[in-house]
PDB file of all heavy atoms in Angstrom:
ATOM      1  N   VAL A   1       0.858  -1.178   0.000  1.00  0.00           N
ATOM      2  CA  VAL A   1       0.000   0.000   0.000  1.00  0.00           C
ATOM      3  C   VAL A   1       0.892   1.224   0.000  1.00  0.00           C
ATOM      4  O   VAL A   1       2.056   1.157   0.395  1.00  0.00           O
ATOM      5  CB  VAL A   1      -0.949   0.031   1.232  1.00  0.00           C
ATOM      6  CG1 VAL A   1      -1.926  -1.119   1.202  1.00  0.00           C
ATOM      7  CG2 VAL A   1      -0.182   0.052   2.523  1.00  0.00           C
ATOM      8  N   PRO A   2       0.379   2.368  -0.454  1.00  0.00           N
ATOM      9  CA  PRO A   2       1.197   3.586  -0.423  1.00  0.00           C
ATOM     10  C   PRO A   2       1.562   3.966   1.012  1.00  0.00           C
ATOM     11  O   PRO A   2       0.809   3.707   1.949  1.00  0.00           O
ATOM     12  CB  PRO A   2       0.282   4.649  -1.039  1.00  0.00           C
ATOM     13  CG  PRO A   2      -0.790   3.900  -1.749  1.00  0.00           C
ATOM     14  CD  PRO A   2      -0.921   2.593  -1.064  1.00  0.00           C
ATOM     15  N   LYS A   3       2.734   4.568   1.181  1.00  0.00           N
ATOM     16  CA  LYS A   3       3.160   5.029   2.506  1.00  0.00           C
ATOM     17  C   LYS A   3       2.105   5.983   3.069  1.00  0.00           C
ATOM     18  O   LYS A   3       1.520   6.766   2.353  1.00  0.00           O
ATOM     19  CB  LYS A   3       4.508   5.732   2.423  1.00  0.00           C
ATOM     20  CG  LYS A   3       5.655   4.775   2.246  1.00  0.00           C
ATOM     21  CD  LYS A   3       6.909   5.380   2.832  1.00  0.00           C
ATOM     22  CE  LYS A   3       8.060   4.428   2.639  1.00  0.00           C
ATOM     23  NZ  LYS A   3       8.332   3.646   3.793  1.00  0.00           N
ATOM     24  N   GLY A   4       1.866   5.872   4.352  1.00  0.00           N
ATOM     25  CA  GLY A   4       0.880   6.724   5.001  1.00  0.00           C
ATOM     26  C   GLY A   4      -0.525   6.145   4.973  1.00  0.00           C
ATOM     27  O   GLY A   4      -1.436   6.710   5.558  1.00  0.00           O
ATOM     28  N   HIS A   5      -0.720   5.021   4.286  1.00  0.00           N
ATOM     29  CA  HIS A   5      -2.039   4.402   4.211  1.00  0.00           C
ATOM     30  C   HIS A   5      -2.116   3.106   5.020  1.00  0.00           C
ATOM     31  O   HIS A   5      -3.026   2.311   4.843  1.00  0.00           O
ATOM     32  CB  HIS A   5      -2.415   4.126   2.754  1.00  0.00           C
ATOM     33  CG  HIS A   5      -2.721   5.363   1.985  1.00  0.00           C
ATOM     34  ND1 HIS A   5      -1.748   6.108   1.374  1.00  0.00           N
ATOM     35  CD2 HIS A   5      -3.885   6.001   1.757  1.00  0.00           C
ATOM     36  CE1 HIS A   5      -2.289   7.149   0.776  1.00  0.00           C
ATOM     37  NE2 HIS A   5      -3.597   7.107   0.996  1.00  0.00           N
ATOM     38  N   THR A   6      -1.159   2.903   5.889  1.00  0.00           N
ATOM     39  CA  THR A   6      -1.175   1.702   6.721  1.00  0.00           C
ATOM     40  C   THR A   6      -2.073   1.938   7.932  1.00  0.00           C
ATOM     41  O   THR A   6      -2.387   3.081   8.276  1.00  0.00           O
ATOM     42  CB  THR A   6       0.239   1.353   7.208  1.00  0.00           C
ATOM     43  OG1 THR A   6       0.750   2.456   7.943  1.00  0.00           O
ATOM     44  CG2 THR A   6       1.150   1.025   6.044  1.00  0.00           C
ATOM     45  N   ARG A   7      -2.483   0.848   8.565  1.00  0.00           N
ATOM     46  CA  ARG A   7      -3.324   0.917   9.760  1.00  0.00           C
ATOM     47  C   ARG A   7      -2.657   0.142  10.894  1.00  0.00           C
ATOM     48  O   ARG A   7      -3.323  -0.558  11.639  1.00  0.00           O
ATOM     49  CB  ARG A   7      -4.686   0.295   9.493  1.00  0.00           C
ATOM     50  CG  ARG A   7      -5.421   0.794   8.315  1.00  0.00           C
ATOM     51  CD  ARG A   7      -6.707   0.026   8.107  1.00  0.00           C
ATOM     52  NE  ARG A   7      -6.609  -1.323   8.687  1.00  0.00           N
ATOM     53  CZ  ARG A   7      -7.538  -2.234   8.569  1.00  0.00           C
ATOM     54  NH1 ARG A   7      -8.611  -2.006   7.912  1.00  0.00           N
ATOM     55  NH2 ARG A   7      -7.382  -3.430   9.125  1.00  0.00           N
ATOM     56  N   TYR A   8      -1.371   0.255  11.035  1.00  0.00           N
ATOM     57  CA  TYR A   8      -0.653  -0.567  11.995  1.00  0.00           C
ATOM     58  C   TYR A   8      -1.149  -0.369  13.425  1.00  0.00           C
ATOM     59  O   TYR A   8      -1.302  -1.335  14.168  1.00  0.00           O
ATOM     60  CB  TYR A   8       0.848  -0.322  11.920  1.00  0.00           C
ATOM     61  CG  TYR A   8       1.469  -0.776  10.613  1.00  0.00           C
ATOM     62  CD1 TYR A   8       2.538  -0.102  10.064  1.00  0.00           C
ATOM     63  CD2 TYR A   8       0.978  -1.878   9.938  1.00  0.00           C
ATOM     64  CE1 TYR A   8       3.112  -0.518   8.882  1.00  0.00           C
ATOM     65  CE2 TYR A   8       1.546  -2.299   8.749  1.00  0.00           C
ATOM     66  CZ  TYR A   8       2.612  -1.616   8.230  1.00  0.00           C
ATOM     67  OH  TYR A   8       3.173  -2.041   7.051  1.00  0.00           O
ATOM     68  N   THR A   9      -1.401   0.862  13.819  1.00  0.00           N
ATOM     69  CA  THR A   9      -1.874   1.110  15.182  1.00  0.00           C
ATOM     70  C   THR A   9      -3.229   0.446  15.406  1.00  0.00           C
ATOM     71  O   THR A   9      -3.451  -0.215  16.427  1.00  0.00           O
ATOM     72  CB  THR A   9      -1.974   2.617  15.464  1.00  0.00           C
ATOM     73  OG1 THR A   9      -0.689   3.212  15.235  1.00  0.00           O
ATOM     74  CG2 THR A   9      -2.409   2.895  16.878  1.00  0.00           C
ATOM     75  N   LEU A  10      -4.138   0.590  14.450  1.00  0.00           N
ATOM     76  CA  LEU A  10      -5.450  -0.045  14.573  1.00  0.00           C
ATOM     77  C   LEU A  10      -5.344  -1.566  14.557  1.00  0.00           C
ATOM     78  O   LEU A  10      -6.074  -2.254  15.284  1.00  0.00           O
ATOM     79  CB  LEU A  10      -6.378   0.429  13.445  1.00  0.00           C
ATOM     80  CG  LEU A  10      -6.819   1.883  13.515  1.00  0.00           C
ATOM     81  CD1 LEU A  10      -7.631   2.250  12.277  1.00  0.00           C
ATOM     82  CD2 LEU A  10      -7.616   2.141  14.774  1.00  0.00           C
ATOM     83  N   ASP A  11      -4.429  -2.098  13.740  1.00  0.00           N
ATOM     84  CA  ASP A  11      -4.244  -3.548  13.688  1.00  0.00           C
ATOM     85  C   ASP A  11      -3.729  -4.095  15.017  1.00  0.00           C
ATOM     86  O   ASP A  11      -4.179  -5.142  15.491  1.00  0.00           O
ATOM     87  CB  ASP A  11      -3.297  -3.936  12.552  1.00  0.00           C
ATOM     88  CG  ASP A  11      -3.911  -3.742  11.176  1.00  0.00           C
ATOM     89  OD1 ASP A  11      -5.154  -3.665  11.076  1.00  0.00           O
ATOM     90  OD2 ASP A  11      -3.141  -3.670  10.199  1.00  0.00           O
ATOM     91  N   VAL A  12      -2.783  -3.387  15.627  1.00  0.00           N
ATOM     92  CA  VAL A  12      -2.258  -3.822  16.931  1.00  0.00           C
ATOM     93  C   VAL A  12      -3.359  -3.728  17.982  1.00  0.00           C
ATOM     94  O   VAL A  12      -3.549  -4.658  18.781  1.00  0.00           O
ATOM     95  CB  VAL A  12      -1.016  -2.994  17.336  1.00  0.00           C
ATOM     96  CG1 VAL A  12      -0.652  -3.235  18.794  1.00  0.00           C
ATOM     97  CG2 VAL A  12       0.161  -3.326  16.436  1.00  0.00           C
ATOM     98  N   LEU A  13      -4.116  -2.638  17.984  1.00  0.00           N
ATOM     99  CA  LEU A  13      -5.207  -2.491  18.952  1.00  0.00           C
ATOM    100  C   LEU A  13      -6.268  -3.572  18.755  1.00  0.00           C
ATOM    101  O   LEU A  13      -6.778  -4.129  19.731  1.00  0.00           O
ATOM    102  CB  LEU A  13      -5.835  -1.100  18.844  1.00  0.00           C
ATOM    103  CG  LEU A  13      -4.972   0.052  19.341  1.00  0.00           C
ATOM    104  CD1 LEU A  13      -5.649   1.391  19.040  1.00  0.00           C
ATOM    105  CD2 LEU A  13      -4.680  -0.082  20.816  1.00  0.00           C
ATOM    106  N   ARG A  14      -6.595  -3.887  17.512  1.00  0.00           N
ATOM    107  CA  ARG A  14      -7.566  -4.951  17.223  1.00  0.00           C
ATOM    108  C   ARG A  14      -7.090  -6.279  17.801  1.00  0.00           C
ATOM    109  O   ARG A  14      -7.853  -6.987  18.466  1.00  0.00           O
ATOM    110  CB  ARG A  14      -7.749  -5.087  15.707  1.00  0.00           C
ATOM    111  CG  ARG A  14      -8.680  -6.224  15.299  1.00  0.00           C
ATOM    112  CD  ARG A  14      -8.433  -6.686  13.879  1.00  0.00           C
ATOM    113  NE  ARG A  14      -7.063  -7.175  13.747  1.00  0.00           N
ATOM    114  CZ  ARG A  14      -6.346  -7.041  12.646  1.00  0.00           C
ATOM    115  NH1 ARG A  14      -6.829  -6.419  11.591  1.00  0.00           N
ATOM    116  NH2 ARG A  14      -5.106  -7.511  12.589  1.00  0.00           N
ATOM    117  N   ASP A  15      -5.819  -6.604  17.583  1.00  0.00           N
ATOM    118  CA  ASP A  15      -5.292  -7.871  18.085  1.00  0.00           C
ATOM    119  C   ASP A  15      -5.235  -7.889  19.615  1.00  0.00           C
ATOM    120  O   ASP A  15      -5.451  -8.933  20.232  1.00  0.00           O
ATOM    121  CB  ASP A  15      -3.921  -8.160  17.473  1.00  0.00           C
ATOM    122  CG  ASP A  15      -4.021  -8.539  16.000  1.00  0.00           C
ATOM    123  OD1 ASP A  15      -5.141  -8.794  15.514  1.00  0.00           O
ATOM    124  OD2 ASP A  15      -2.972  -8.581  15.337  1.00  0.00           O
ATOM    125  N   LEU A  16      -4.957  -6.739  20.230  1.00  0.00           N
ATOM    126  CA  LEU A  16      -4.980  -6.675  21.695  1.00  0.00           C
ATOM    127  C   LEU A  16      -6.390  -6.901  22.225  1.00  0.00           C
ATOM    128  O   LEU A  16      -6.575  -7.577  23.245  1.00  0.00           O
ATOM    129  CB  LEU A  16      -4.425  -5.334  22.176  1.00  0.00           C
ATOM    130  CG  LEU A  16      -2.920  -5.156  22.041  1.00  0.00           C
ATOM    131  CD1 LEU A  16      -2.520  -3.713  22.352  1.00  0.00           C
ATOM    132  CD2 LEU A  16      -2.167  -6.124  22.950  1.00  0.00           C
ATOM    133  N   VAL A  17      -7.390  -6.366  21.541  1.00  0.00           N
ATOM    134  CA  VAL A  17      -8.788  -6.602  21.936  1.00  0.00           C
ATOM    135  C   VAL A  17      -9.134  -8.079  21.772  1.00  0.00           C
ATOM    136  O   VAL A  17      -9.811  -8.664  22.621  1.00  0.00           O
ATOM    137  CB  VAL A  17      -9.754  -5.698  21.132  1.00  0.00           C
ATOM    138  CG1 VAL A  17     -11.201  -6.124  21.324  1.00  0.00           C
ATOM    139  CG2 VAL A  17      -9.572  -4.244  21.535  1.00  0.00           C
ATOM    140  N   PHE A  18      -8.650  -8.711  20.692  1.00  0.00           N
ATOM    141  CA  PHE A  18      -8.891 -10.142  20.494  1.00  0.00           C
ATOM    142  C   PHE A  18      -8.218 -10.988  21.581  1.00  0.00           C
ATOM    143  O   PHE A  18      -8.657 -12.103  21.866  1.00  0.00           O
ATOM    144  CB  PHE A  18      -8.384 -10.594  19.122  1.00  0.00           C
ATOM    145  CG  PHE A  18      -9.218 -10.128  17.968  1.00  0.00           C
ATOM    146  CD1 PHE A  18      -8.696 -10.166  16.691  1.00  0.00           C
ATOM    147  CD2 PHE A  18     -10.506  -9.669  18.125  1.00  0.00           C
ATOM    148  CE1 PHE A  18      -9.443  -9.752  15.603  1.00  0.00           C
ATOM    149  CE2 PHE A  18     -11.269  -9.247  17.046  1.00  0.00           C
ATOM    150  CZ  PHE A  18     -10.734  -9.291  15.785  1.00  0.00           C
ATOM    151  N   MET A  19      -7.166 -10.467  22.177  1.00  0.00           N
ATOM    152  CA  MET A  19      -6.466 -11.218  23.226  1.00  0.00           C
ATOM    153  C   MET A  19      -7.235 -11.236  24.540  1.00  0.00           C
ATOM    154  O   MET A  19      -7.034 -12.139  25.359  1.00  0.00           O
ATOM    155  CB  MET A  19      -5.071 -10.631  23.472  1.00  0.00           C
ATOM    156  CG  MET A  19      -4.056 -11.090  22.466  1.00  0.00           C
ATOM    157  SD  MET A  19      -2.430 -10.417  22.788  1.00  0.00           S
ATOM    158  CE  MET A  19      -2.064 -11.080  24.394  1.00  0.00           C
ATOM    159  N   ILE A  20      -8.119 -10.288  24.755  1.00  0.00           N
ATOM    160  CA  ILE A  20      -8.853 -10.210  26.023  1.00  0.00           C
ATOM    161  C   ILE A  20      -9.632 -11.498  26.296  1.00  0.00           C
ATOM    162  O   ILE A  20      -9.473 -12.095  27.369  1.00  0.00           O
ATOM    163  CB  ILE A  20      -9.756  -8.956  26.071  1.00  0.00           C
ATOM    164  CG1 ILE A  20      -8.893  -7.696  26.101  1.00  0.00           C
ATOM    165  CG2 ILE A  20     -10.704  -9.005  27.271  1.00  0.00           C
ATOM    166  CD1 ILE A  20      -9.656  -6.405  25.900  1.00  0.00           C
ATOM    167  N   PRO A  21     -10.474 -11.981  25.364  1.00  0.00           N
ATOM    168  CA  PRO A  21     -11.178 -13.233  25.664  1.00  0.00           C
ATOM    169  C   PRO A  21     -10.239 -14.439  25.754  1.00  0.00           C
ATOM    170  O   PRO A  21     -10.500 -15.366  26.527  1.00  0.00           O
ATOM    171  CB  PRO A  21     -12.179 -13.397  24.519  1.00  0.00           C
ATOM    172  CG  PRO A  21     -11.881 -12.364  23.521  1.00  0.00           C
ATOM    173  CD  PRO A  21     -10.948 -11.379  24.133  1.00  0.00           C
ATOM    174  N   ALA A  22      -9.153 -14.426  25.001  1.00  0.00           N
ATOM    175  CA  ALA A  22      -8.202 -15.541  25.068  1.00  0.00           C
ATOM    176  C   ALA A  22      -7.560 -15.601  26.443  1.00  0.00           C
ATOM    177  O   ALA A  22      -7.436 -16.683  27.041  1.00  0.00           O
ATOM    178  CB  ALA A  22      -7.144 -15.400  23.977  1.00  0.00           C
ATOM    179  N   VAL A  23      -7.162 -14.466  26.986  1.00  0.00           N
ATOM    180  CA  VAL A  23      -6.564 -14.428  28.320  1.00  0.00           C
ATOM    181  C   VAL A  23      -7.612 -14.803  29.373  1.00  0.00           C
ATOM    182  O   VAL A  23      -7.314 -15.514  30.330  1.00  0.00           O
ATOM    183  CB  VAL A  23      -5.931 -13.049  28.605  1.00  0.00           C
ATOM    184  CG1 VAL A  23      -5.509 -12.903  30.055  1.00  0.00           C
ATOM    185  CG2 VAL A  23      -4.742 -12.818  27.672  1.00  0.00           C
ATOM    186  N   TRP A  24      -8.843 -14.364  29.178  1.00  0.00           N
ATOM    187  CA  TRP A  24      -9.917 -14.738  30.098  1.00  0.00           C
ATOM    188  C   TRP A  24     -10.073 -16.263  30.137  1.00  0.00           C
ATOM    189  O   TRP A  24     -10.236 -16.850  31.199  1.00  0.00           O
ATOM    190  CB  TRP A  24     -11.232 -14.083  29.675  1.00  0.00           C
ATOM    191  CG  TRP A  24     -12.394 -14.533  30.506  1.00  0.00           C
ATOM    192  CD1 TRP A  24     -13.261 -15.551  30.237  1.00  0.00           C
ATOM    193  CD2 TRP A  24     -12.794 -14.009  31.769  1.00  0.00           C
ATOM    194  NE1 TRP A  24     -14.182 -15.675  31.242  1.00  0.00           N
ATOM    195  CE2 TRP A  24     -13.919 -14.738  32.205  1.00  0.00           C
ATOM    196  CE3 TRP A  24     -12.313 -12.981  32.579  1.00  0.00           C
ATOM    197  CZ2 TRP A  24     -14.554 -14.484  33.399  1.00  0.00           C
ATOM    198  CZ3 TRP A  24     -12.972 -12.728  33.765  1.00  0.00           C
ATOM    199  CH2 TRP A  24     -14.072 -13.471  34.168  1.00  0.00           C
ATOM    200  N   LEU A  25     -10.026 -16.904  28.970  1.00  0.00           N
ATOM    201  CA  LEU A  25     -10.173 -18.356  28.914  1.00  0.00           C
ATOM    202  C   LEU A  25      -8.970 -19.082  29.506  1.00  0.00           C
ATOM    203  O   LEU A  25      -9.093 -20.231  29.926  1.00  0.00           O
ATOM    204  CB  LEU A  25     -10.426 -18.817  27.482  1.00  0.00           C
ATOM    205  CG  LEU A  25     -11.808 -18.472  26.932  1.00  0.00           C
ATOM    206  CD1 LEU A  25     -11.901 -18.836  25.459  1.00  0.00           C
ATOM    207  CD2 LEU A  25     -12.898 -19.165  27.731  1.00  0.00           C
ATOM    208  N   LEU A  26      -7.815 -18.455  29.517  1.00  0.00           N
ATOM    209  CA  LEU A  26      -6.670 -19.039  30.226  1.00  0.00           C
ATOM    210  C   LEU A  26      -6.950 -19.079  31.725  1.00  0.00           C
ATOM    211  O   LEU A  26      -6.583 -20.024  32.416  1.00  0.00           O
ATOM    212  CB  LEU A  26      -5.402 -18.226  29.964  1.00  0.00           C
ATOM    213  CG  LEU A  26      -4.744 -18.423  28.614  1.00  0.00           C
ATOM    214  CD1 LEU A  26      -3.655 -17.379  28.412  1.00  0.00           C
ATOM    215  CD2 LEU A  26      -4.173 -19.817  28.505  1.00  0.00           C
ATOM    216  N   TRP A  27      -7.622 -18.046  32.209  1.00  0.00           N
ATOM    217  CA  TRP A  27      -7.905 -17.922  33.626  1.00  0.00           C
ATOM    218  C   TRP A  27      -9.105 -18.778  34.030  1.00  0.00           C
ATOM    219  O   TRP A  27      -9.081 -19.463  35.042  1.00  0.00           O
ATOM    220  CB  TRP A  27      -8.132 -16.446  33.960  1.00  0.00           C
ATOM    221  CG  TRP A  27      -8.419 -16.163  35.390  1.00  0.00           C
ATOM    222  CD1 TRP A  27      -7.737 -16.616  36.487  1.00  0.00           C
ATOM    223  CD2 TRP A  27      -9.462 -15.335  35.895  1.00  0.00           C
ATOM    224  NE1 TRP A  27      -8.290 -16.124  37.638  1.00  0.00           N
ATOM    225  CE2 TRP A  27      -9.357 -15.321  37.303  1.00  0.00           C
ATOM    226  CE3 TRP A  27     -10.464 -14.581  35.294  1.00  0.00           C
ATOM    227  CZ2 TRP A  27     -10.221 -14.601  38.103  1.00  0.00           C
ATOM    228  CZ3 TRP A  27     -11.313 -13.864  36.101  1.00  0.00           C
ATOM    229  CH2 TRP A  27     -11.190 -13.887  37.496  1.00  0.00           C
ATOM    230  N   LYS A  28     -10.186 -18.718  33.240  1.00  0.00           N
ATOM    231  CA  LYS A  28     -11.422 -19.453  33.530  1.00  0.00           C
ATOM    232  C   LYS A  28     -11.852 -20.218  32.286  1.00  0.00           C
ATOM    233  O   LYS A  28     -12.709 -19.748  31.531  1.00  0.00           O
ATOM    234  CB  LYS A  28     -12.523 -18.492  33.951  1.00  0.00           C
ATOM    235  CG  LYS A  28     -12.280 -17.812  35.272  1.00  0.00           C
ATOM    236  CD  LYS A  28     -13.583 -17.271  35.800  1.00  0.00           C
ATOM    237  CE  LYS A  28     -13.401 -16.717  37.166  1.00  0.00           C
ATOM    238  NZ  LYS A  28     -13.818 -17.607  38.203  1.00  0.00           N
TER     239      LYS A  28
END
């Protein structure tokens, strides 16, 4: 993609949100 059109911050935040239920299932 052209420079400046990446969504890296949003992609990292999305994956961190996806980790919340995974970590919850590790606990319970």
